[in-house]
Amino acid sequence: MYDYFWTHAIISDEIHEGIITNCNFSEAGTITEACDDYTYQADVARSNIFFYDIYAPLCSSFSNSTPSISEFDPCTENYIGSYLNIAAVQQSLHAKPGYWESCNDSIRDNWTDMPFTVLPVIQDLMASGISVWIYSGDTDGRVPVTTSRYSIDKLQTSVTTPWYPWMYEDEVGGYVVGYQNLTFVTIRGAGHFVPSYQPARALAFFSSFLEGKLP
């Protein structure tokens, strides 16, 4: 049995007070005008950025000459789509011929078994003595550090090791804070898919997780 559990998914959607009060996404047909207004405000505030790496340039003909802070190419998804739709590739993969893409949002949007918060699950794991690790790349807008911290605050667990920078090759790899049976780690310069943006720092972080010690 493992003594550790880690996650990099959204912990809880119950963050924005206006959205919490006015939106009920779990019941079809109950989206109110106020809910639409608050979600619109959130979209406007986000503006036109690559949401999975907020410092990355948008995918364009100039993307290769203007890499992001992590040197991750924002056009990667386009390359994946082009590759998957080569007839020879689909044949080699024994895939049904047709249009394929890296992520089918229509399927994801129709999930019926996705809870809006896993905080009760995390609390149960912590109460059973399992040490939970949560991590965020600090340039990720999809699962941002701030949102993760707000979610952790809802657990009302005590700090055992205050925030400090963890080091990798004589520079800051990110920051870490230890709680009772919970650890939160940030990875500097990493977007949503942490190993894609910062593979070396991701490996150092994951090694610490396997060893059961703070980075």
N, C-alpha and C. Protein backbone atom coordinates (compact mmCIF):
# COMPACT_ATOMS: atom_id res chain seq x y z
N MET A 1 0.84 -1.19 0.00
CA MET A 1 0.00 0.00 0.00
C MET A 1 0.88 1.24 0.00
N TYR A 2 0.56 2.22 -0.86
CA TYR A 2 1.35 3.42 -0.94
C TYR A 2 1.03 4.35 0.22
N ASP A 3 2.05 5.04 0.71
CA ASP A 3 1.88 6.00 1.78
C ASP A 3 1.73 7.41 1.24
N TYR A 4 1.80 7.55 -0.09
CA TYR A 4 1.74 8.88 -0.67
C TYR A 4 0.77 8.92 -1.84
N PHE A 5 0.16 10.07 -2.02
CA PHE A 5 -0.78 10.30 -3.11
C PHE A 5 -0.51 11.70 -3.63
N TRP A 6 -0.46 11.85 -4.96
CA TRP A 6 -0.20 13.19 -5.48
C TRP A 6 -1.20 13.55 -6.56
N THR A 7 -1.36 14.85 -6.78
CA THR A 7 -2.33 15.31 -7.75
C THR A 7 -1.88 16.61 -8.39
N HIS A 8 -2.25 16.76 -9.65
CA HIS A 8 -2.04 18.03 -10.34
C HIS A 8 -3.32 18.41 -11.08
N ALA A 9 -4.44 17.89 -10.64
CA ALA A 9 -5.72 18.26 -11.24
C ALA A 9 -6.34 19.40 -10.47
N ILE A 10 -7.41 19.96 -11.02
CA ILE A 10 -8.15 20.99 -10.28
C ILE A 10 -8.71 20.35 -9.01
N ILE A 11 -8.44 20.93 -7.88
CA ILE A 11 -8.87 20.37 -6.61
C ILE A 11 -10.33 20.70 -6.34
N SER A 12 -10.71 21.94 -6.63
CA SER A 12 -12.08 22.36 -6.35
C SER A 12 -12.46 23.52 -7.25
N ASP A 13 -13.68 23.49 -7.79
CA ASP A 13 -14.21 24.61 -8.56
C ASP A 13 -14.88 25.63 -7.65
N GLU A 14 -14.94 25.33 -6.37
CA GLU A 14 -15.66 26.20 -5.44
C GLU A 14 -14.74 27.31 -4.93
N ILE A 15 -14.33 28.19 -5.84
CA ILE A 15 -13.37 29.23 -5.48
C ILE A 15 -13.97 30.62 -5.61
N HIS A 16 -14.41 31.00 -6.80
CA HIS A 16 -14.93 32.34 -7.03
C HIS A 16 -16.29 32.47 -6.37
N GLU A 17 -16.41 33.40 -5.42
CA GLU A 17 -17.62 33.51 -4.62
C GLU A 17 -18.85 33.80 -5.49
N GLY A 18 -18.69 34.68 -6.49
CA GLY A 18 -19.81 34.99 -7.36
C GLY A 18 -20.28 33.78 -8.14
N ILE A 19 -19.33 32.97 -8.60
CA ILE A 19 -19.69 31.76 -9.34
C ILE A 19 -20.30 30.73 -8.40
N ILE A 20 -19.75 30.61 -7.20
CA ILE A 20 -20.29 29.66 -6.22
C ILE A 20 -21.76 29.99 -5.93
N THR A 21 -22.04 31.27 -5.74
CA THR A 21 -23.38 31.69 -5.33
C THR A 21 -24.40 31.57 -6.45
N ASN A 22 -23.97 31.82 -7.68
CA ASN A 22 -24.93 31.96 -8.77
C ASN A 22 -24.93 30.84 -9.80
N CYS A 23 -23.96 29.93 -9.74
CA CYS A 23 -23.86 28.90 -10.76
C CYS A 23 -24.09 27.51 -10.17
N ASN A 24 -24.80 26.70 -10.92
CA ASN A 24 -24.99 25.30 -10.56
C ASN A 24 -24.80 24.48 -11.83
N PHE A 25 -23.53 24.15 -12.12
CA PHE A 25 -23.21 23.47 -13.36
C PHE A 25 -23.61 22.00 -13.35
N SER A 26 -23.98 21.48 -12.20
CA SER A 26 -24.29 20.05 -12.10
C SER A 26 -25.71 19.74 -12.58
N GLU A 27 -26.53 20.75 -12.78
CA GLU A 27 -27.91 20.53 -13.22
C GLU A 27 -28.14 21.27 -14.53
N ALA A 28 -28.49 20.51 -15.56
CA ALA A 28 -28.71 21.10 -16.89
C ALA A 28 -29.87 22.10 -16.85
N GLY A 29 -29.68 23.20 -17.57
CA GLY A 29 -30.76 24.17 -17.71
C GLY A 29 -30.92 25.11 -16.54
N THR A 30 -29.95 25.13 -15.60
CA THR A 30 -30.08 25.99 -14.43
C THR A 30 -29.08 27.14 -14.43
N ILE A 31 -28.41 27.37 -15.56
CA ILE A 31 -27.45 28.47 -15.63
C ILE A 31 -28.21 29.79 -15.68
N THR A 32 -27.97 30.65 -14.71
CA THR A 32 -28.69 31.91 -14.60
C THR A 32 -27.95 33.02 -15.32
N GLU A 33 -28.63 34.15 -15.48
CA GLU A 33 -28.01 35.32 -16.10
C GLU A 33 -26.83 35.81 -15.26
N ALA A 34 -27.00 35.77 -13.94
CA ALA A 34 -25.91 36.18 -13.05
C ALA A 34 -24.70 35.27 -13.21
N CYS A 35 -24.96 33.97 -13.35
CA CYS A 35 -23.87 33.01 -13.55
C CYS A 35 -23.14 33.33 -14.85
N ASP A 36 -23.89 33.57 -15.91
CA ASP A 36 -23.28 33.93 -17.19
C ASP A 36 -22.41 35.17 -17.05
N ASP A 37 -22.88 36.14 -16.27
CA ASP A 37 -22.14 37.40 -16.10
C ASP A 37 -20.81 37.15 -15.39
N TYR A 38 -20.82 36.33 -14.33
CA TYR A 38 -19.58 36.07 -13.60
C TYR A 38 -18.58 35.26 -14.43
N THR A 39 -19.08 34.27 -15.16
CA THR A 39 -18.17 33.48 -15.99
C THR A 39 -17.62 34.33 -17.13
N TYR A 40 -18.44 35.27 -17.63
CA TYR A 40 -17.96 36.20 -18.68
C TYR A 40 -16.85 37.08 -18.11
N GLN A 41 -17.04 37.57 -16.88
CA GLN A 41 -16.00 38.39 -16.24
C GLN A 41 -14.68 37.61 -16.13
N ALA A 42 -14.80 36.35 -15.81
CA ALA A 42 -13.59 35.53 -15.68
C ALA A 42 -12.89 35.38 -17.04
N ASP A 43 -13.67 35.19 -18.10
CA ASP A 43 -13.09 35.06 -19.44
C ASP A 43 -12.42 36.37 -19.88
N VAL A 44 -13.06 37.50 -19.58
CA VAL A 44 -12.49 38.79 -19.94
C VAL A 44 -11.18 39.03 -19.19
N ALA A 45 -11.17 38.68 -17.92
CA ALA A 45 -9.96 38.87 -17.12
C ALA A 45 -8.81 38.02 -17.64
N ARG A 46 -9.14 36.85 -18.16
CA ARG A 46 -8.11 35.97 -18.71
C ARG A 46 -7.52 36.55 -19.98
N SER A 47 -8.37 37.16 -20.79
CA SER A 47 -7.99 37.78 -22.06
C SER A 47 -7.40 36.75 -23.03
N ASN A 48 -6.58 37.21 -23.97
CA ASN A 48 -6.11 36.36 -25.05
C ASN A 48 -4.70 35.86 -24.76
N ILE A 49 -4.63 34.80 -23.97
CA ILE A 49 -3.34 34.20 -23.63
C ILE A 49 -3.43 32.69 -23.85
N PHE A 50 -2.27 32.06 -23.95
CA PHE A 50 -2.21 30.61 -24.01
C PHE A 50 -2.39 30.12 -22.58
N PHE A 51 -3.57 29.55 -22.28
CA PHE A 51 -3.98 29.33 -20.90
C PHE A 51 -3.10 28.32 -20.16
N TYR A 52 -2.44 27.45 -20.90
CA TYR A 52 -1.65 26.40 -20.26
C TYR A 52 -0.23 26.84 -19.96
N ASP A 53 0.14 28.03 -20.44
CA ASP A 53 1.46 28.62 -20.14
C ASP A 53 1.31 30.12 -20.38
N ILE A 54 1.00 30.87 -19.33
CA ILE A 54 0.57 32.25 -19.48
C ILE A 54 1.64 33.16 -20.06
N TYR A 55 2.91 32.74 -20.04
CA TYR A 55 3.97 33.56 -20.61
C TYR A 55 4.37 33.12 -22.01
N ALA A 56 3.73 32.10 -22.53
CA ALA A 56 4.05 31.61 -23.87
C ALA A 56 3.41 32.50 -24.91
N PRO A 57 4.05 32.65 -26.07
CA PRO A 57 3.40 33.36 -27.17
C PRO A 57 2.25 32.52 -27.71
N LEU A 58 1.31 33.15 -28.36
CA LEU A 58 0.24 32.40 -29.01
C LEU A 58 0.80 31.67 -30.21
N CYS A 59 0.17 30.58 -30.59
CA CYS A 59 0.63 29.82 -31.74
C CYS A 59 0.48 30.66 -33.00
N SER A 60 1.57 30.87 -33.69
CA SER A 60 1.56 31.65 -34.92
C SER A 60 2.79 31.28 -35.73
N SER A 61 2.93 31.92 -36.88
CA SER A 61 4.10 31.66 -37.73
C SER A 61 5.38 32.13 -37.08
N PHE A 62 5.25 32.96 -36.02
CA PHE A 62 6.44 33.47 -35.34
C PHE A 62 6.76 32.70 -34.07
N SER A 63 5.97 31.67 -33.75
CA SER A 63 6.12 30.97 -32.48
C SER A 63 7.51 30.38 -32.30
N ASN A 64 8.07 29.82 -33.37
CA ASN A 64 9.37 29.17 -33.24
C ASN A 64 10.49 30.16 -32.95
N SER A 65 10.29 31.43 -33.30
CA SER A 65 11.32 32.43 -33.07
C SER A 65 11.12 33.17 -31.75
N THR A 66 9.96 32.95 -31.11
CA THR A 66 9.69 33.60 -29.83
C THR A 66 9.24 32.56 -28.82
N PRO A 67 10.16 31.74 -28.33
CA PRO A 67 9.78 30.68 -27.40
C PRO A 67 9.30 31.23 -26.06
N SER A 68 8.53 30.42 -25.33
CA SER A 68 8.07 30.84 -24.02
C SER A 68 9.23 30.77 -23.03
N ILE A 69 8.95 31.21 -21.80
CA ILE A 69 9.98 31.19 -20.77
C ILE A 69 10.51 29.78 -20.55
N SER A 70 9.68 28.77 -20.82
CA SER A 70 10.09 27.38 -20.64
C SER A 70 10.49 26.74 -21.96
N GLU A 71 10.49 27.53 -23.05
CA GLU A 71 10.86 27.06 -24.38
C GLU A 71 9.93 25.95 -24.87
N PHE A 72 8.68 25.99 -24.42
CA PHE A 72 7.69 25.03 -24.87
C PHE A 72 6.95 25.65 -26.05
N ASP A 73 6.80 24.91 -27.12
CA ASP A 73 6.18 25.42 -28.33
C ASP A 73 4.65 25.39 -28.20
N PRO A 74 3.99 26.53 -28.22
CA PRO A 74 2.53 26.55 -28.05
C PRO A 74 1.78 25.95 -29.23
N CYS A 75 2.49 25.66 -30.33
CA CYS A 75 1.84 25.05 -31.49
C CYS A 75 1.85 23.52 -31.42
N THR A 76 2.31 22.96 -30.30
CA THR A 76 2.42 21.52 -30.17
C THR A 76 1.11 20.80 -30.50
N GLU A 77 0.00 21.33 -30.01
CA GLU A 77 -1.29 20.67 -30.25
C GLU A 77 -1.61 20.61 -31.74
N ASN A 78 -1.21 21.65 -32.46
CA ASN A 78 -1.42 21.64 -33.92
C ASN A 78 -0.63 20.53 -34.58
N TYR A 79 0.61 20.35 -34.13
CA TYR A 79 1.44 19.30 -34.71
C TYR A 79 0.83 17.92 -34.44
N ILE A 80 0.31 17.76 -33.20
CA ILE A 80 -0.30 16.48 -32.84
C ILE A 80 -1.48 16.19 -33.75
N GLY A 81 -2.33 17.22 -33.96
CA GLY A 81 -3.49 17.03 -34.82
C GLY A 81 -3.10 16.68 -36.24
N SER A 82 -2.10 17.35 -36.78
CA SER A 82 -1.65 17.06 -38.14
C SER A 82 -1.12 15.64 -38.24
N TYR A 83 -0.35 15.23 -37.23
CA TYR A 83 0.25 13.90 -37.24
C TYR A 83 -0.80 12.80 -37.15
N LEU A 84 -1.76 12.99 -36.24
CA LEU A 84 -2.78 11.96 -36.03
C LEU A 84 -3.68 11.77 -37.24
N ASN A 85 -3.74 12.77 -38.11
CA ASN A 85 -4.65 12.68 -39.25
C ASN A 85 -3.95 12.32 -40.55
N ILE A 86 -2.71 11.85 -40.43
CA ILE A 86 -2.04 11.25 -41.58
C ILE A 86 -2.57 9.82 -41.73
N ALA A 87 -3.01 9.49 -42.92
CA ALA A 87 -3.65 8.19 -43.13
C ALA A 87 -2.74 7.03 -42.72
N ALA A 88 -1.45 7.13 -43.03
CA ALA A 88 -0.52 6.05 -42.69
C ALA A 88 -0.37 5.90 -41.19
N VAL A 89 -0.43 7.02 -40.46
CA VAL A 89 -0.33 6.97 -39.00
C VAL A 89 -1.55 6.28 -38.42
N GLN A 90 -2.74 6.63 -38.88
CA GLN A 90 -3.95 6.00 -38.38
C GLN A 90 -3.96 4.51 -38.68
N GLN A 91 -3.44 4.15 -39.84
CA GLN A 91 -3.37 2.74 -40.19
C GLN A 91 -2.40 2.00 -39.28
N SER A 92 -1.24 2.62 -39.01
CA SER A 92 -0.25 1.99 -38.14
C SER A 92 -0.76 1.83 -36.71
N LEU A 93 -1.58 2.78 -36.28
CA LEU A 93 -2.14 2.72 -34.92
C LEU A 93 -3.40 1.87 -34.85
N HIS A 94 -3.82 1.33 -36.02
CA HIS A 94 -5.06 0.55 -36.10
C HIS A 94 -6.24 1.36 -35.58
N ALA A 95 -6.21 2.68 -35.88
CA ALA A 95 -7.28 3.58 -35.45
C ALA A 95 -8.33 3.68 -36.54
N LYS A 96 -9.55 3.93 -36.13
CA LYS A 96 -10.64 4.10 -37.08
C LYS A 96 -10.37 5.35 -37.91
N PRO A 97 -10.39 5.24 -39.24
CA PRO A 97 -10.14 6.41 -40.08
C PRO A 97 -11.14 7.53 -39.78
N GLY A 98 -10.64 8.74 -39.74
CA GLY A 98 -11.49 9.88 -39.45
C GLY A 98 -10.65 11.02 -38.92
N TYR A 99 -11.31 12.05 -38.40
CA TYR A 99 -10.57 13.20 -37.87
C TYR A 99 -10.29 12.97 -36.39
N TRP A 100 -9.00 13.00 -36.03
CA TRP A 100 -8.57 12.81 -34.65
C TRP A 100 -7.90 14.08 -34.14
N GLU A 101 -8.05 14.32 -32.83
CA GLU A 101 -7.41 15.47 -32.21
C GLU A 101 -6.85 15.07 -30.86
N SER A 102 -5.99 15.93 -30.31
CA SER A 102 -5.30 15.57 -29.07
C SER A 102 -6.23 15.50 -27.88
N CYS A 103 -7.29 16.30 -27.87
CA CYS A 103 -8.23 16.29 -26.75
C CYS A 103 -9.63 16.58 -27.28
N ASN A 104 -10.56 15.70 -27.02
CA ASN A 104 -11.93 15.88 -27.48
C ASN A 104 -12.74 16.60 -26.40
N ASP A 105 -12.85 17.91 -26.55
CA ASP A 105 -13.53 18.71 -25.54
C ASP A 105 -15.01 18.36 -25.42
N SER A 106 -15.64 17.93 -26.51
CA SER A 106 -17.06 17.62 -26.45
C SER A 106 -17.33 16.44 -25.53
N ILE A 107 -16.43 15.46 -25.51
CA ILE A 107 -16.58 14.33 -24.60
C ILE A 107 -16.36 14.77 -23.16
N ARG A 108 -15.30 15.57 -22.95
CA ARG A 108 -14.99 16.04 -21.61
C ARG A 108 -16.12 16.87 -21.03
N ASP A 109 -16.74 17.73 -21.87
CA ASP A 109 -17.81 18.59 -21.39
C ASP A 109 -19.07 17.81 -21.02
N ASN A 110 -19.19 16.58 -21.51
CA ASN A 110 -20.38 15.78 -21.23
C ASN A 110 -20.15 14.73 -20.14
N TRP A 111 -19.04 14.81 -19.43
CA TRP A 111 -18.82 13.89 -18.32
C TRP A 111 -19.93 14.06 -17.30
N THR A 112 -20.40 12.95 -16.77
CA THR A 112 -21.47 13.01 -15.77
C THR A 112 -21.01 12.55 -14.39
N ASP A 113 -19.77 12.10 -14.28
CA ASP A 113 -19.29 11.58 -12.99
C ASP A 113 -18.10 12.37 -12.48
N MET A 114 -18.02 13.66 -12.84
CA MET A 114 -16.89 14.49 -12.43
C MET A 114 -17.31 15.39 -11.27
N PRO A 115 -16.82 15.15 -10.07
CA PRO A 115 -17.21 16.00 -8.94
C PRO A 115 -16.59 17.39 -9.07
N PHE A 116 -17.22 18.38 -8.46
CA PHE A 116 -16.70 19.73 -8.51
C PHE A 116 -15.65 19.99 -7.44
N THR A 117 -15.48 19.05 -6.55
CA THR A 117 -14.41 19.17 -5.56
C THR A 117 -14.00 17.77 -5.10
N VAL A 118 -12.71 17.59 -4.89
CA VAL A 118 -12.21 16.33 -4.31
C VAL A 118 -11.63 16.59 -2.93
N LEU A 119 -11.95 17.75 -2.37
CA LEU A 119 -11.45 18.06 -1.04
C LEU A 119 -11.85 17.01 0.01
N PRO A 120 -13.09 16.50 -0.01
CA PRO A 120 -13.43 15.44 0.96
C PRO A 120 -12.57 14.20 0.80
N VAL A 121 -12.23 13.84 -0.43
CA VAL A 121 -11.36 12.69 -0.68
C VAL A 121 -9.98 12.94 -0.09
N ILE A 122 -9.45 14.14 -0.33
CA ILE A 122 -8.13 14.48 0.20
C ILE A 122 -8.15 14.47 1.73
N GLN A 123 -9.22 14.98 2.31
CA GLN A 123 -9.33 14.98 3.77
C GLN A 123 -9.34 13.55 4.32
N ASP A 124 -10.05 12.64 3.64
CA ASP A 124 -10.09 11.25 4.08
C ASP A 124 -8.69 10.62 3.99
N LEU A 125 -7.98 10.90 2.91
CA LEU A 125 -6.62 10.36 2.75
C LEU A 125 -5.70 10.89 3.85
N MET A 126 -5.79 12.18 4.11
CA MET A 126 -4.95 12.77 5.16
C MET A 126 -5.28 12.18 6.52
N ALA A 127 -6.57 11.99 6.79
CA ALA A 127 -6.99 11.45 8.08
C ALA A 127 -6.52 10.02 8.27
N SER A 128 -6.34 9.29 7.15
CA SER A 128 -5.90 7.90 7.25
C SER A 128 -4.39 7.78 7.37
N GLY A 129 -3.69 8.93 7.34
CA GLY A 129 -2.24 8.90 7.49
C GLY A 129 -1.47 8.94 6.18
N ILE A 130 -2.19 8.96 5.05
CA ILE A 130 -1.53 9.04 3.75
C ILE A 130 -1.10 10.48 3.49
N SER A 131 0.14 10.66 3.11
CA SER A 131 0.65 11.99 2.83
C SER A 131 0.31 12.39 1.40
N VAL A 132 -0.43 13.46 1.24
CA VAL A 132 -0.88 13.93 -0.07
C VAL A 132 0.06 15.02 -0.58
N TRP A 133 0.46 14.89 -1.84
CA TRP A 133 1.27 15.92 -2.50
C TRP A 133 0.45 16.57 -3.61
N ILE A 134 0.43 17.88 -3.63
CA ILE A 134 -0.24 18.66 -4.67
C ILE A 134 0.81 19.55 -5.31
N TYR A 135 0.81 19.65 -6.63
CA TYR A 135 1.82 20.49 -7.27
C TYR A 135 1.21 21.33 -8.38
N SER A 136 1.85 22.45 -8.67
CA SER A 136 1.40 23.35 -9.73
C SER A 136 2.61 23.98 -10.42
N GLY A 137 2.57 24.01 -11.76
CA GLY A 137 3.53 24.82 -12.48
C GLY A 137 3.14 26.28 -12.32
N ASP A 138 4.11 27.16 -12.11
CA ASP A 138 3.74 28.54 -11.77
C ASP A 138 3.43 29.43 -12.97
N THR A 139 3.45 28.88 -14.19
CA THR A 139 2.97 29.64 -15.35
C THR A 139 1.70 29.01 -15.93
N ASP A 140 1.09 28.12 -15.19
CA ASP A 140 -0.12 27.43 -15.63
C ASP A 140 -1.35 28.26 -15.26
N GLY A 141 -2.19 28.56 -16.25
CA GLY A 141 -3.42 29.28 -15.98
C GLY A 141 -4.61 28.35 -15.80
N ARG A 142 -4.48 27.09 -16.18
CA ARG A 142 -5.57 26.13 -16.04
C ARG A 142 -5.69 25.65 -14.60
N VAL A 143 -4.58 25.29 -13.98
CA VAL A 143 -4.55 24.92 -12.56
C VAL A 143 -3.52 25.82 -11.88
N PRO A 144 -3.86 27.09 -11.68
CA PRO A 144 -2.88 28.05 -11.17
C PRO A 144 -2.52 27.82 -9.71
N VAL A 145 -1.36 28.30 -9.35
CA VAL A 145 -0.88 28.17 -7.97
C VAL A 145 -1.86 28.80 -6.99
N THR A 146 -2.37 29.97 -7.33
CA THR A 146 -3.28 30.68 -6.43
C THR A 146 -4.53 29.87 -6.13
N THR A 147 -5.11 29.27 -7.16
CA THR A 147 -6.32 28.46 -6.96
C THR A 147 -6.03 27.25 -6.08
N SER A 148 -4.88 26.61 -6.31
CA SER A 148 -4.50 25.46 -5.48
C SER A 148 -4.35 25.88 -4.02
N ARG A 149 -3.77 27.04 -3.80
CA ARG A 149 -3.58 27.52 -2.42
C ARG A 149 -4.93 27.81 -1.76
N TYR A 150 -5.86 28.43 -2.50
CA TYR A 150 -7.19 28.68 -1.94
C TYR A 150 -7.87 27.37 -1.57
N SER A 151 -7.73 26.37 -2.40
CA SER A 151 -8.35 25.07 -2.14
C SER A 151 -7.74 24.43 -0.89
N ILE A 152 -6.41 24.51 -0.78
CA ILE A 152 -5.74 23.93 0.38
C ILE A 152 -6.18 24.64 1.67
N ASP A 153 -6.40 25.96 1.58
CA ASP A 153 -6.86 26.70 2.76
C ASP A 153 -8.18 26.15 3.29
N LYS A 154 -9.02 25.63 2.39
CA LYS A 154 -10.30 25.07 2.80
C LYS A 154 -10.14 23.80 3.65
N LEU A 155 -8.96 23.16 3.55
CA LEU A 155 -8.72 21.95 4.34
C LEU A 155 -8.43 22.27 5.80
N GLN A 156 -8.07 23.54 6.07
CA GLN A 156 -7.80 24.00 7.43
C GLN A 156 -6.80 23.09 8.14
N THR A 157 -5.71 22.78 7.44
CA THR A 157 -4.65 21.98 8.04
C THR A 157 -3.49 22.88 8.44
N SER A 158 -2.76 22.48 9.44
CA SER A 158 -1.71 23.35 9.99
C SER A 158 -0.40 23.21 9.21
N VAL A 159 0.34 24.30 9.13
CA VAL A 159 1.63 24.33 8.45
C VAL A 159 2.69 23.72 9.36
N THR A 160 3.46 22.79 8.83
CA THR A 160 4.56 22.19 9.59
C THR A 160 5.91 22.68 9.08
N THR A 161 5.99 23.02 7.79
CA THR A 161 7.21 23.58 7.20
C THR A 161 6.83 24.80 6.38
N PRO A 162 7.21 26.01 6.81
CA PRO A 162 6.82 27.22 6.08
C PRO A 162 7.39 27.25 4.66
N TRP A 163 6.82 28.12 3.82
CA TRP A 163 7.28 28.28 2.44
C TRP A 163 8.79 28.47 2.39
N TYR A 164 9.41 27.77 1.45
CA TYR A 164 10.84 28.00 1.20
C TYR A 164 11.15 27.61 -0.24
N PRO A 165 12.19 28.18 -0.85
CA PRO A 165 12.55 27.81 -2.22
C PRO A 165 13.31 26.48 -2.23
N TRP A 166 12.92 25.58 -3.13
CA TRP A 166 13.72 24.36 -3.28
C TRP A 166 14.63 24.54 -4.49
N MET A 167 15.81 23.97 -4.40
CA MET A 167 16.86 24.26 -5.37
C MET A 167 17.11 23.09 -6.31
N TYR A 168 17.46 23.43 -7.54
CA TYR A 168 17.89 22.44 -8.52
C TYR A 168 19.02 23.05 -9.33
N GLU A 169 20.18 22.40 -9.30
CA GLU A 169 21.38 22.86 -10.00
C GLU A 169 21.67 24.33 -9.68
N ASP A 170 21.69 24.62 -8.39
CA ASP A 170 22.08 25.93 -7.86
C ASP A 170 21.15 27.07 -8.25
N GLU A 171 19.91 26.76 -8.63
CA GLU A 171 18.93 27.81 -8.85
C GLU A 171 17.59 27.33 -8.33
N VAL A 172 16.67 28.27 -8.16
CA VAL A 172 15.37 27.94 -7.59
C VAL A 172 14.58 27.07 -8.57
N GLY A 173 14.19 25.89 -8.09
CA GLY A 173 13.36 25.00 -8.90
C GLY A 173 11.88 25.26 -8.70
N GLY A 174 11.55 25.93 -7.59
CA GLY A 174 10.17 26.22 -7.24
C GLY A 174 10.09 26.51 -5.76
N TYR A 175 8.90 26.39 -5.22
CA TYR A 175 8.70 26.64 -3.79
C TYR A 175 7.86 25.52 -3.20
N VAL A 176 8.01 25.34 -1.90
CA VAL A 176 7.31 24.23 -1.24
C VAL A 176 6.87 24.66 0.15
N VAL A 177 5.71 24.14 0.56
CA VAL A 177 5.23 24.34 1.91
C VAL A 177 4.69 23.01 2.40
N GLY A 178 5.01 22.67 3.63
CA GLY A 178 4.56 21.41 4.20
C GLY A 178 3.44 21.63 5.21
N TYR A 179 2.40 20.81 5.10
CA TYR A 179 1.30 20.84 6.06
C TYR A 179 1.25 19.48 6.76
N GLN A 180 0.33 19.32 7.69
CA GLN A 180 0.13 18.05 8.33
C GLN A 180 -0.44 17.05 7.33
N ASN A 181 0.39 16.08 6.91
CA ASN A 181 0.00 15.06 5.93
C ASN A 181 -0.33 15.63 4.55
N LEU A 182 0.21 16.80 4.23
CA LEU A 182 0.01 17.37 2.90
C LEU A 182 1.21 18.25 2.54
N THR A 183 1.63 18.16 1.29
CA THR A 183 2.74 18.97 0.78
C THR A 183 2.29 19.65 -0.50
N PHE A 184 2.60 20.94 -0.61
CA PHE A 184 2.29 21.67 -1.83
C PHE A 184 3.60 22.18 -2.44
N VAL A 185 3.80 21.86 -3.71
CA VAL A 185 5.05 22.20 -4.39
C VAL A 185 4.74 22.97 -5.67
N THR A 186 5.48 24.02 -5.92
CA THR A 186 5.39 24.71 -7.21
C THR A 186 6.66 24.40 -8.01
N ILE A 187 6.52 24.39 -9.33
CA ILE A 187 7.66 24.16 -10.22
C ILE A 187 7.83 25.42 -11.05
N ARG A 188 8.97 26.08 -10.89
CA ARG A 188 9.21 27.37 -11.53
C ARG A 188 9.35 27.22 -13.05
N GLY A 189 8.65 28.09 -13.77
CA GLY A 189 8.75 28.11 -15.22
C GLY A 189 7.99 27.00 -15.92
N ALA A 190 7.14 26.29 -15.19
CA ALA A 190 6.41 25.17 -15.78
C ALA A 190 4.96 25.54 -16.02
N GLY A 191 4.45 25.13 -17.18
CA GLY A 191 3.04 25.31 -17.48
C GLY A 191 2.24 24.10 -17.02
N HIS A 192 1.14 23.84 -17.68
CA HIS A 192 0.18 22.83 -17.21
C HIS A 192 0.78 21.43 -17.18
N PHE A 193 1.42 21.01 -18.26
CA PHE A 193 2.03 19.68 -18.31
C PHE A 193 3.48 19.82 -17.87
N VAL A 194 3.69 19.77 -16.57
CA VAL A 194 4.97 20.15 -15.97
C VAL A 194 6.18 19.48 -16.62
N PRO A 195 6.19 18.16 -16.83
CA PRO A 195 7.39 17.54 -17.42
C PRO A 195 7.68 18.02 -18.83
N SER A 196 6.65 18.48 -19.57
CA SER A 196 6.88 18.98 -20.91
C SER A 196 7.61 20.31 -20.90
N TYR A 197 7.38 21.10 -19.86
CA TYR A 197 7.98 22.42 -19.78
C TYR A 197 9.31 22.42 -19.04
N GLN A 198 9.37 21.68 -17.95
CA GLN A 198 10.57 21.66 -17.12
C GLN A 198 10.90 20.21 -16.74
N PRO A 199 11.39 19.42 -17.70
CA PRO A 199 11.61 18.00 -17.42
C PRO A 199 12.59 17.72 -16.29
N ALA A 200 13.67 18.49 -16.21
CA ALA A 200 14.67 18.24 -15.17
C ALA A 200 14.12 18.56 -13.78
N ARG A 201 13.45 19.70 -13.66
CA ARG A 201 12.86 20.07 -12.37
C ARG A 201 11.73 19.12 -12.00
N ALA A 202 10.98 18.67 -13.00
CA ALA A 202 9.91 17.71 -12.74
C ALA A 202 10.48 16.41 -12.19
N LEU A 203 11.58 15.95 -12.77
CA LEU A 203 12.20 14.71 -12.31
C LEU A 203 12.71 14.87 -10.88
N ALA A 204 13.31 16.01 -10.58
CA ALA A 204 13.82 16.25 -9.22
C ALA A 204 12.67 16.26 -8.22
N PHE A 205 11.57 16.89 -8.59
CA PHE A 205 10.40 16.94 -7.72
C PHE A 205 9.80 15.54 -7.52
N PHE A 206 9.64 14.82 -8.63
CA PHE A 206 9.04 13.48 -8.55
C PHE A 206 9.93 12.54 -7.75
N SER A 207 11.25 12.67 -7.87
CA SER A 207 12.18 11.85 -7.10
C SER A 207 12.00 12.10 -5.61
N SER A 208 11.81 13.37 -5.23
CA SER A 208 11.57 13.69 -3.83
C SER A 208 10.27 13.06 -3.33
N PHE A 209 9.27 13.08 -4.19
CA PHE A 209 7.99 12.47 -3.84
C PHE A 209 8.16 10.97 -3.57
N LEU A 210 8.89 10.28 -4.45
CA LEU A 210 9.11 8.85 -4.27
C LEU A 210 9.92 8.56 -3.03
N GLU A 211 10.83 9.45 -2.70
CA GLU A 211 11.67 9.26 -1.51
C GLU A 211 10.95 9.67 -0.23
N GLY A 212 9.81 10.34 -0.37
CA GLY A 212 9.03 10.73 0.79
C GLY A 212 9.65 11.85 1.59
N LYS A 213 10.36 12.75 0.92
CA LYS A 213 10.97 13.89 1.62
C LYS A 213 10.76 15.15 0.82
N LEU A 214 10.73 16.26 1.50
CA LEU A 214 10.53 17.53 0.83
C LEU A 214 11.70 17.83 -0.09
N PRO A 215 11.43 18.44 -1.26
CA PRO A 215 12.54 18.76 -2.17
C PRO A 215 13.43 19.85 -1.59
